[in-house]
PDB file of N, CA and C in Angstrom:
ATOM      1  N   MET A   1     109.774  -4.566  71.971  1.00  0.00           N
ATOM      2  CA  MET A   1     110.993  -4.003  71.437  1.00  0.00           C
ATOM      3  C   MET A   1     111.217  -2.632  72.065  1.00  0.00           C
ATOM      4  N   ASP A   2     112.484  -2.290  72.206  1.00  0.00           N
ATOM      5  CA  ASP A   2     112.782  -0.967  72.730  1.00  0.00           C
ATOM      6  C   ASP A   2     112.862   0.031  71.569  1.00  0.00           C
ATOM      7  N   GLU A   3     113.234   1.259  71.882  1.00  0.00           N
ATOM      8  CA  GLU A   3     113.241   2.315  70.860  1.00  0.00           C
ATOM      9  C   GLU A   3     114.232   2.056  69.739  1.00  0.00           C
ATOM     10  N   SER A   4     115.285   1.264  69.990  1.00  0.00           N
ATOM     11  CA  SER A   4     116.270   0.978  68.953  1.00  0.00           C
ATOM     12  C   SER A   4     115.817  -0.160  68.037  1.00  0.00           C
ATOM     13  N   GLY A   5     114.651  -0.765  68.329  1.00  0.00           N
ATOM     14  CA  GLY A   5     114.154  -1.872  67.524  1.00  0.00           C
ATOM     15  C   GLY A   5     114.672  -3.219  67.963  1.00  0.00           C
ATOM     16  N   LYS A   6     115.479  -3.237  69.026  1.00  0.00           N
ATOM     17  CA  LYS A   6     116.006  -4.502  69.536  1.00  0.00           C
ATOM     18  C   LYS A   6     114.997  -5.113  70.500  1.00  0.00           C
ATOM     19  N   PRO A   7     114.844  -6.434  70.474  1.00  0.00           N
ATOM     20  CA  PRO A   7     113.914  -7.077  71.405  1.00  0.00           C
ATOM     21  C   PRO A   7     114.370  -6.903  72.843  1.00  0.00           C
ATOM     22  N   LYS A   8     113.425  -6.668  73.729  1.00  0.00           N
ATOM     23  CA  LYS A   8     113.714  -6.611  75.156  1.00  0.00           C
ATOM     24  C   LYS A   8     113.726  -8.036  75.686  1.00  0.00           C
ATOM     25  N   SER A   9     114.456  -8.240  76.767  1.00  0.00           N
ATOM     26  CA  SER A   9     114.420  -9.564  77.379  1.00  0.00           C
ATOM     27  C   SER A   9     113.094  -9.704  78.134  1.00  0.00           C
ATOM     28  N   LEU A  10     112.643 -10.923  78.251  1.00  0.00           N
ATOM     29  CA  LEU A  10     111.376 -11.191  78.915  1.00  0.00           C
ATOM     30  C   LEU A  10     111.596 -12.268  79.962  1.00  0.00           C
ATOM     31  N   GLN A  11     111.263 -11.947  81.186  1.00  0.00           N
ATOM     32  CA  GLN A  11     111.336 -12.936  82.253  1.00  0.00           C
ATOM     33  C   GLN A  11     109.939 -13.485  82.469  1.00  0.00           C
ATOM     34  N   VAL A  12     109.830 -14.816  82.511  1.00  0.00           N
ATOM     35  CA  VAL A  12     108.541 -15.465  82.671  1.00  0.00           C
ATOM     36  C   VAL A  12     108.516 -16.173  84.012  1.00  0.00           C
ATOM     37  N   ASN A  13     107.514 -15.866  84.811  1.00  0.00           N
ATOM     38  CA  ASN A  13     107.322 -16.543  86.085  1.00  0.00           C
ATOM     39  C   ASN A  13     106.402 -17.738  85.858  1.00  0.00           C
ATOM     40  N   ILE A  14     106.832 -18.919  86.268  1.00  0.00           N
ATOM     41  CA  ILE A  14     106.008 -20.122  86.126  1.00  0.00           C
ATOM     42  C   ILE A  14     105.453 -20.470  87.504  1.00  0.00           C
ATOM     43  N   PRO A  15     104.134 -20.340  87.695  1.00  0.00           N
ATOM     44  CA  PRO A  15     103.548 -20.679  88.985  1.00  0.00           C
ATOM     45  C   PRO A  15     103.807 -22.143  89.339  1.00  0.00           C
ATOM     46  N   GLU A  16     103.879 -22.414  90.609  1.00  0.00           N
ATOM     47  CA  GLU A  16     104.198 -23.759  91.094  1.00  0.00           C
ATOM     48  C   GLU A  16     103.279 -24.819  90.488  1.00  0.00           C
ATOM     49  N   HIS A  17     101.979 -24.539  90.384  1.00  0.00           N
ATOM     50  CA  HIS A  17     101.037 -25.546  89.898  1.00  0.00           C
ATOM     51  C   HIS A  17     101.179 -25.828  88.394  1.00  0.00           C
ATOM     52  N   LEU A  18     101.990 -25.041  87.687  1.00  0.00           N
ATOM     53  CA  LEU A  18     102.201 -25.271  86.252  1.00  0.00           C
ATOM     54  C   LEU A  18     103.603 -25.774  85.919  1.00  0.00           C
ATOM     55  N   ARG A  19     104.420 -26.026  86.924  1.00  0.00           N
ATOM     56  CA  ARG A  19     105.812 -26.412  86.668  1.00  0.00           C
ATOM     57  C   ARG A  19     105.962 -27.838  86.163  1.00  0.00           C
ATOM     58  N   ALA A  20     105.082 -28.725  86.565  1.00  0.00           N
ATOM     59  CA  ALA A  20     105.173 -30.107  86.083  1.00  0.00           C
ATOM     60  C   ALA A  20     104.490 -30.195  84.717  1.00  0.00           C
ATOM     61  N   PRO A  21     105.150 -30.786  83.735  1.00  0.00           N
ATOM     62  CA  PRO A  21     104.525 -30.900  82.415  1.00  0.00           C
ATOM     63  C   PRO A  21     103.357 -31.882  82.440  1.00  0.00           C
ATOM     64  N   VAL A  22     102.453 -31.717  81.496  1.00  0.00           N
ATOM     65  CA  VAL A  22     101.331 -32.643  81.342  1.00  0.00           C
ATOM     66  C   VAL A  22     101.432 -33.286  79.964  1.00  0.00           C
ATOM     67  N   ASN A  23     100.823 -34.436  79.820  1.00  0.00           N
ATOM     68  CA  ASN A  23     100.849 -35.156  78.557  1.00  0.00           C
ATOM     69  C   ASN A  23      99.490 -35.000  77.877  1.00  0.00           C
ATOM     70  N   ALA A  24      99.506 -34.707  76.587  1.00  0.00           N
ATOM     71  CA  ALA A  24      98.274 -34.633  75.804  1.00  0.00           C
ATOM     72  C   ALA A  24      98.478 -35.443  74.535  1.00  0.00           C
ATOM     73  N   ASN A  25      97.481 -36.251  74.179  1.00  0.00           N
ATOM     74  CA  ASN A  25      97.587 -37.024  72.947  1.00  0.00           C
ATOM     75  C   ASN A  25      96.423 -36.756  71.995  1.00  0.00           C
ATOM     76  N   ILE A  26      95.570 -35.818  72.369  1.00  0.00           N
ATOM     77  CA  ILE A  26      94.466 -35.369  71.521  1.00  0.00           C
ATOM     78  C   ILE A  26      94.412 -33.843  71.610  1.00  0.00           C
ATOM     79  N   ILE A  27      94.207 -33.200  70.474  1.00  0.00           N
ATOM     80  CA  ILE A  27      94.055 -31.747  70.452  1.00  0.00           C
ATOM     81  C   ILE A  27      92.761 -31.418  69.720  1.00  0.00           C
ATOM     82  N   ARG A  28      91.990 -30.522  70.307  1.00  0.00           N
ATOM     83  CA  ARG A  28      90.768 -30.039  69.644  1.00  0.00           C
ATOM     84  C   ARG A  28      90.912 -28.532  69.471  1.00  0.00           C
ATOM     85  N   VAL A  29      90.685 -28.058  68.266  1.00  0.00           N
ATOM     86  CA  VAL A  29      90.805 -26.634  67.973  1.00  0.00           C
ATOM     87  C   VAL A  29      89.441 -26.093  67.584  1.00  0.00           C
ATOM     88  N   SER A  30      89.056 -24.999  68.218  1.00  0.00           N
ATOM     89  CA  SER A  30      87.800 -24.315  67.903  1.00  0.00           C
ATOM     90  C   SER A  30      88.126 -22.867  67.582  1.00  0.00           C
ATOM     91  N   THR A  31      87.314 -22.269  66.732  1.00  0.00           N
ATOM     92  CA  THR A  31      87.487 -20.853  66.435  1.00  0.00           C
ATOM     93  C   THR A  31      86.169 -20.131  66.660  1.00  0.00           C
ATOM     94  N   SER A  32      86.283 -18.878  67.004  1.00  0.00           N
ATOM     95  CA  SER A  32      85.108 -18.051  67.205  1.00  0.00           C
ATOM     96  C   SER A  32      85.155 -16.888  66.225  1.00  0.00           C
ATOM     97  N   SER A  33      84.239 -16.888  65.283  1.00  0.00           N
ATOM     98  CA  SER A  33      84.208 -15.777  64.323  1.00  0.00           C
ATOM     99  C   SER A  33      83.737 -14.496  65.012  1.00  0.00           C
ATOM    100  N   ARG A  34      83.012 -14.651  66.101  1.00  0.00           N
ATOM    101  CA  ARG A  34      82.506 -13.484  66.839  1.00  0.00           C
ATOM    102  C   ARG A  34      83.637 -12.734  67.548  1.00  0.00           C
ATOM    103  N   THR A  35      84.532 -13.486  68.213  1.00  0.00           N
ATOM    104  CA  THR A  35      85.600 -12.850  68.979  1.00  0.00           C
ATOM    105  C   THR A  35      86.951 -12.884  68.274  1.00  0.00           C
ATOM    106  N   GLY A  36      87.074 -13.699  67.223  1.00  0.00           N
ATOM    107  CA  GLY A  36      88.347 -13.827  66.536  1.00  0.00           C
ATOM    108  C   GLY A  36      89.369 -14.625  67.325  1.00  0.00           C
ATOM    109  N   GLU A  37      88.901 -15.437  68.265  1.00  0.00           N
ATOM    110  CA  GLU A  37      89.807 -16.225  69.098  1.00  0.00           C
ATOM    111  C   GLU A  37      89.933 -17.651  68.576  1.00  0.00           C
ATOM    112  N   VAL A  38      91.063 -18.244  68.880  1.00  0.00           N
ATOM    113  CA  VAL A  38      91.302 -19.650  68.590  1.00  0.00           C
ATOM    114  C   VAL A  38      91.457 -20.340  69.941  1.00  0.00           C
ATOM    115  N   ILE A  39      90.651 -21.373  70.175  1.00  0.00           N
ATOM    116  CA  ILE A  39      90.677 -22.106  71.440  1.00  0.00           C
ATOM    117  C   ILE A  39      91.271 -23.480  71.172  1.00  0.00           C
ATOM    118  N   ILE A  40      92.341 -23.802  71.901  1.00  0.00           N
ATOM    119  CA  ILE A  40      92.994 -25.093  71.743  1.00  0.00           C
ATOM    120  C   ILE A  40      92.838 -25.864  73.044  1.00  0.00           C
ATOM    121  N   ASP A  41      92.163 -27.016  72.964  1.00  0.00           N
ATOM    122  CA  ASP A  41      92.007 -27.910  74.111  1.00  0.00           C
ATOM    123  C   ASP A  41      92.989 -29.059  73.960  1.00  0.00           C
ATOM    124  N   PHE A  42      93.768 -29.296  75.005  1.00  0.00           N
ATOM    125  CA  PHE A  42      94.697 -30.412  75.048  1.00  0.00           C
ATOM    126  C   PHE A  42      94.095 -31.470  75.962  1.00  0.00           C
ATOM    127  N   VAL A  43      93.941 -32.688  75.447  1.00  0.00           N
ATOM    128  CA  VAL A  43      93.259 -33.768  76.167  1.00  0.00           C
ATOM    129  C   VAL A  43      94.189 -34.973  76.253  1.00  0.00           C
ATOM    130  N   PHE A  44      94.154 -35.637  77.388  1.00  0.00           N
ATOM    131  CA  PHE A  44      94.881 -36.888  77.537  1.00  0.00           C
ATOM    132  C   PHE A  44      93.882 -38.024  77.636  1.00  0.00           C
ATOM    133  N   ILE A  45      94.056 -39.028  76.782  1.00  0.00           N
ATOM    134  CA  ILE A  45      93.221 -40.222  76.817  1.00  0.00           C
ATOM    135  C   ILE A  45      94.129 -41.404  77.113  1.00  0.00           C
ATOM    136  N   HIS A  46      93.860 -42.071  78.217  1.00  0.00           N
ATOM    137  CA  HIS A  46      94.599 -43.293  78.561  1.00  0.00           C
ATOM    138  C   HIS A  46      93.830 -44.462  77.961  1.00  0.00           C
ATOM    139  N   PRO A  47      94.516 -45.404  77.322  1.00  0.00           N
ATOM    140  CA  PRO A  47      93.828 -46.516  76.659  1.00  0.00           C
ATOM    141  C   PRO A  47      92.917 -47.318  77.594  1.00  0.00           C
ATOM    142  N   GLN A  48      93.211 -47.316  78.879  1.00  0.00           N
ATOM    143  CA  GLN A  48      92.398 -48.092  79.815  1.00  0.00           C
ATOM    144  C   GLN A  48      91.261 -47.287  80.435  1.00  0.00           C
ATOM    145  N   ASP A  49      91.140 -46.008  80.085  1.00  0.00           N
ATOM    146  CA  ASP A  49      90.060 -45.182  80.617  1.00  0.00           C
ATOM    147  C   ASP A  49      88.791 -45.409  79.806  1.00  0.00           C
ATOM    148  N   ILE A  50      88.021 -46.392  80.229  1.00  0.00           N
ATOM    149  CA  ILE A  50      86.779 -46.743  79.537  1.00  0.00           C
ATOM    150  C   ILE A  50      85.657 -46.722  80.562  1.00  0.00           C
ATOM    151  N   SER A  51      84.555 -46.059  80.212  1.00  0.00           N
ATOM    152  CA  SER A  51      83.425 -45.967  81.131  1.00  0.00           C
ATOM    153  C   SER A  51      82.672 -47.298  81.173  1.00  0.00           C
ATOM    154  N   LYS A  52      81.728 -47.408  82.095  1.00  0.00           N
ATOM    155  CA  LYS A  52      80.964 -48.649  82.263  1.00  0.00           C
ATOM    156  C   LYS A  52      80.159 -49.013  81.026  1.00  0.00           C
ATOM    157  N   ASP A  53      79.788 -47.996  80.234  1.00  0.00           N
ATOM    158  CA  ASP A  53      79.022 -48.283  79.013  1.00  0.00           C
ATOM    159  C   ASP A  53      79.932 -48.552  77.805  1.00  0.00           C
ATOM    160  N   GLY A  54      81.249 -48.625  78.034  1.00  0.00           N
ATOM    161  CA  GLY A  54      82.183 -48.998  76.982  1.00  0.00           C
ATOM    162  C   GLY A  54      82.776 -47.832  76.202  1.00  0.00           C
ATOM    163  N   ASN A  55      82.395 -46.619  76.536  1.00  0.00           N
ATOM    164  CA  ASN A  55      82.944 -45.459  75.839  1.00  0.00           C
ATOM    165  C   ASN A  55      84.261 -45.038  76.463  1.00  0.00           C
ATOM    166  N   GLN A  56      85.172 -44.621  75.620  1.00  0.00           N
ATOM    167  CA  GLN A  56      86.445 -44.122  76.119  1.00  0.00           C
ATOM    168  C   GLN A  56      86.269 -42.662  76.511  1.00  0.00           C
ATOM    169  N   PHE A  57      86.993 -42.218  77.525  1.00  0.00           N
ATOM    170  CA  PHE A  57      86.889 -40.822  77.928  1.00  0.00           C
ATOM    171  C   PHE A  57      88.278 -40.256  78.163  1.00  0.00           C
ATOM    172  N   GLY A  58      88.381 -38.969  78.035  1.00  0.00           N
ATOM    173  CA  GLY A  58      89.654 -38.294  78.226  1.00  0.00           C
ATOM    174  C   GLY A  58      89.526 -37.209  79.268  1.00  0.00           C
ATOM    175  N   THR A  59      90.660 -36.634  79.624  1.00  0.00           N
ATOM    176  CA  THR A  59      90.720 -35.573  80.613  1.00  0.00           C
ATOM    177  C   THR A  59      91.336 -34.336  79.973  1.00  0.00           C
ATOM    178  N   LEU A  60      90.638 -33.223  80.074  1.00  0.00           N
ATOM    179  CA  LEU A  60      91.180 -31.959  79.597  1.00  0.00           C
ATOM    180  C   LEU A  60      92.342 -31.571  80.501  1.00  0.00           C
ATOM    181  N   VAL A  61      93.529 -31.419  79.925  1.00  0.00           N
ATOM    182  CA  VAL A  61      94.688 -31.061  80.740  1.00  0.00           C
ATOM    183  C   VAL A  61      95.042 -29.589  80.601  1.00  0.00           C
ATOM    184  N   SER A  62      94.577 -28.950  79.527  1.00  0.00           N
ATOM    185  CA  SER A  62      94.825 -27.526  79.372  1.00  0.00           C
ATOM    186  C   SER A  62      93.928 -26.963  78.275  1.00  0.00           C
ATOM    187  N   ARG A  63      93.490 -25.741  78.473  1.00  0.00           N
ATOM    188  CA  ARG A  63      92.751 -24.996  77.444  1.00  0.00           C
ATOM    189  C   ARG A  63      93.479 -23.675  77.265  1.00  0.00           C
ATOM    190  N   VAL A  64      93.843 -23.375  76.018  1.00  0.00           N
ATOM    191  CA  VAL A  64      94.564 -22.147  75.717  1.00  0.00           C
ATOM    192  C   VAL A  64      93.741 -21.344  74.723  1.00  0.00           C
ATOM    193  N   VAL A  65      93.498 -20.088  75.053  1.00  0.00           N
ATOM    194  CA  VAL A  65      92.738 -19.198  74.175  1.00  0.00           C
ATOM    195  C   VAL A  65      93.717 -18.182  73.596  1.00  0.00           C
ATOM    196  N   LEU A  66      93.769 -18.130  72.268  1.00  0.00           N
ATOM    197  CA  LEU A  66      94.712 -17.257  71.571  1.00  0.00           C
ATOM    198  C   LEU A  66      93.963 -16.260  70.701  1.00  0.00           C
ATOM    199  N   SER A  67      94.511 -15.059  70.607  1.00  0.00           N
ATOM    200  CA  SER A  67      93.989 -14.123  69.604  1.00  0.00           C
ATOM    201  C   SER A  67      94.432 -14.642  68.237  1.00  0.00           C
ATOM    202  N   LEU A  68      93.775 -14.208  67.189  1.00  0.00           N
ATOM    203  CA  LEU A  68      94.118 -14.662  65.843  1.00  0.00           C
ATOM    204  C   LEU A  68      95.573 -14.352  65.479  1.00  0.00           C
ATOM    205  N   PRO A  69      96.095 -13.150  65.762  1.00  0.00           N
ATOM    206  CA  PRO A  69      97.503 -12.896  65.434  1.00  0.00           C
ATOM    207  C   PRO A  69      98.463 -13.830  66.181  1.00  0.00           C
ATOM    208  N   VAL A  70      98.175 -14.124  67.437  1.00  0.00           N
ATOM    209  CA  VAL A  70      99.049 -15.021  68.199  1.00  0.00           C
ATOM    210  C   VAL A  70      98.940 -16.445  67.654  1.00  0.00           C
ATOM    211  N   ALA A  71      97.734 -16.868  67.259  1.00  0.00           N
ATOM    212  CA  ALA A  71      97.561 -18.205  66.666  1.00  0.00           C
ATOM    213  C   ALA A  71      98.345 -18.310  65.359  1.00  0.00           C
ATOM    214  N   LYS A  72      98.347 -17.252  64.569  1.00  0.00           N
ATOM    215  CA  LYS A  72      99.124 -17.256  63.322  1.00  0.00           C
ATOM    216  C   LYS A  72     100.620 -17.320  63.620  1.00  0.00           C
ATOM    217  N   ASP A  73     101.062 -16.613  64.664  1.00  0.00           N
ATOM    218  CA  ASP A  73     102.464 -16.695  65.079  1.00  0.00           C
ATOM    219  C   ASP A  73     102.807 -18.120  65.509  1.00  0.00           C
ATOM    220  N   LEU A  74     101.917 -18.759  66.267  1.00  0.00           N
ATOM    221  CA  LEU A  74     102.141 -20.139  66.705  1.00  0.00           C
ATOM    222  C   LEU A  74     102.269 -21.069  65.502  1.00  0.00           C
ATOM    223  N   LEU A  75     101.412 -20.906  64.530  1.00  0.00           N
ATOM    224  CA  LEU A  75     101.476 -21.716  63.312  1.00  0.00           C
ATOM    225  C   LEU A  75     102.823 -21.549  62.612  1.00  0.00           C
ATOM    226  N   ALA A  76     103.279 -20.311  62.474  1.00  0.00           N
ATOM    227  CA  ALA A  76     104.561 -20.055  61.808  1.00  0.00           C
ATOM    228  C   ALA A  76     105.717 -20.661  62.604  1.00  0.00           C
ATOM    229  N   ILE A  77     105.665 -20.537  63.925  1.00  0.00           N
ATOM    230  CA  ILE A  77     106.730 -21.088  64.768  1.00  0.00           C
ATOM    231  C   ILE A  77     106.751 -22.605  64.667  1.00  0.00           C
ATOM    232  N   LEU A  78     105.589 -23.240  64.731  1.00  0.00           N
ATOM    233  CA  LEU A  78     105.529 -24.700  64.625  1.00  0.00           C
ATOM    234  C   LEU A  78     106.018 -25.166  63.252  1.00  0.00           C
ATOM    235  N   ASN A  79     105.600 -24.490  62.199  1.00  0.00           N
ATOM    236  CA  ASN A  79     106.066 -24.854  60.855  1.00  0.00           C
ATOM    237  C   ASN A  79     107.585 -24.737  60.754  1.00  0.00           C
ATOM    238  N   SER A  80     108.140 -23.686  61.323  1.00  0.00           N
ATOM    239  CA  SER A  80     109.581 -23.483  61.277  1.00  0.00           C
ATOM    240  C   SER A  80     110.315 -24.574  62.053  1.00  0.00           C
ATOM    241  N   HIS A  81     109.881 -24.844  63.258  1.00  0.00           N
ATOM    242  CA  HIS A  81     110.561 -25.826  64.097  1.00  0.00           C
ATOM    243  C   HIS A  81     110.361 -27.246  63.594  1.00  0.00           C
ATOM    244  N   LEU A  82     109.151 -27.575  63.213  1.00  0.00           N
ATOM    245  CA  LEU A  82     108.890 -28.935  62.748  1.00  0.00           C
ATOM    246  C   LEU A  82     109.518 -29.189  61.379  1.00  0.00           C
ATOM    247  N   GLY A  83     109.697 -28.152  60.590  1.00  0.00           N
ATOM    248  CA  GLY A  83     110.353 -28.296  59.302  1.00  0.00           C
ATOM    249  C   GLY A  83     111.816 -28.671  59.431  1.00  0.00           C
ATOM    250  N   LYS A  84     112.400 -28.405  60.605  1.00  0.00           N
ATOM    251  CA  LYS A  84     113.807 -28.739  60.833  1.00  0.00           C
ATOM    252  C   LYS A  84     113.991 -30.189  61.264  1.00  0.00           C
ATOM    253  N   ILE A  85     112.900 -30.844  61.641  1.00  0.00           N
ATOM    254  CA  ILE A  85     112.983 -32.244  62.081  1.00  0.00           C
ATOM    255  C   ILE A  85     112.975 -33.139  60.853  1.00  0.00           C
ATOM    256  N   LYS A  86     113.933 -34.023  60.774  1.00  0.00           N
ATOM    257  CA  LYS A  86     114.014 -34.920  59.633  1.00  0.00           C
ATOM    258  C   LYS A  86     112.944 -35.994  59.754  1.00  0.00           C
ATOM    259  N   SER A  87     112.184 -36.160  58.697  1.00  0.00           N
ATOM    260  CA  SER A  87     111.168 -37.206  58.672  1.00  0.00           C
ATOM    261  C   SER A  87     111.838 -38.555  58.492  1.00  0.00           C
ATOM    262  N   GLU A  88     111.249 -39.535  59.153  1.00  0.00           N
ATOM    263  CA  GLU A  88     111.796 -40.888  59.033  1.00  0.00           C
ATOM    264  C   GLU A  88     110.920 -41.754  58.181  1.00  0.00           C
TER     265      GLU A  88
END
């Protein structure tokens, strides 16, 4: 925010290697009481990805580490946006 309390505009540069979206169908959340961080792993599991021993495996497509205040902001934003979606 600037001195008048109005939000400043923010320009975000998206590196070339991050421009294509990835698909995730599993999320794992870990917290660290030592650092106060929240770690979110996004994993994609394809139904046909089965190892020779019969176990299914997934691929980590992104890991995001958030401070606790940012994780709380994310929770509030998701609650706000998802609350606007009509349940079927």
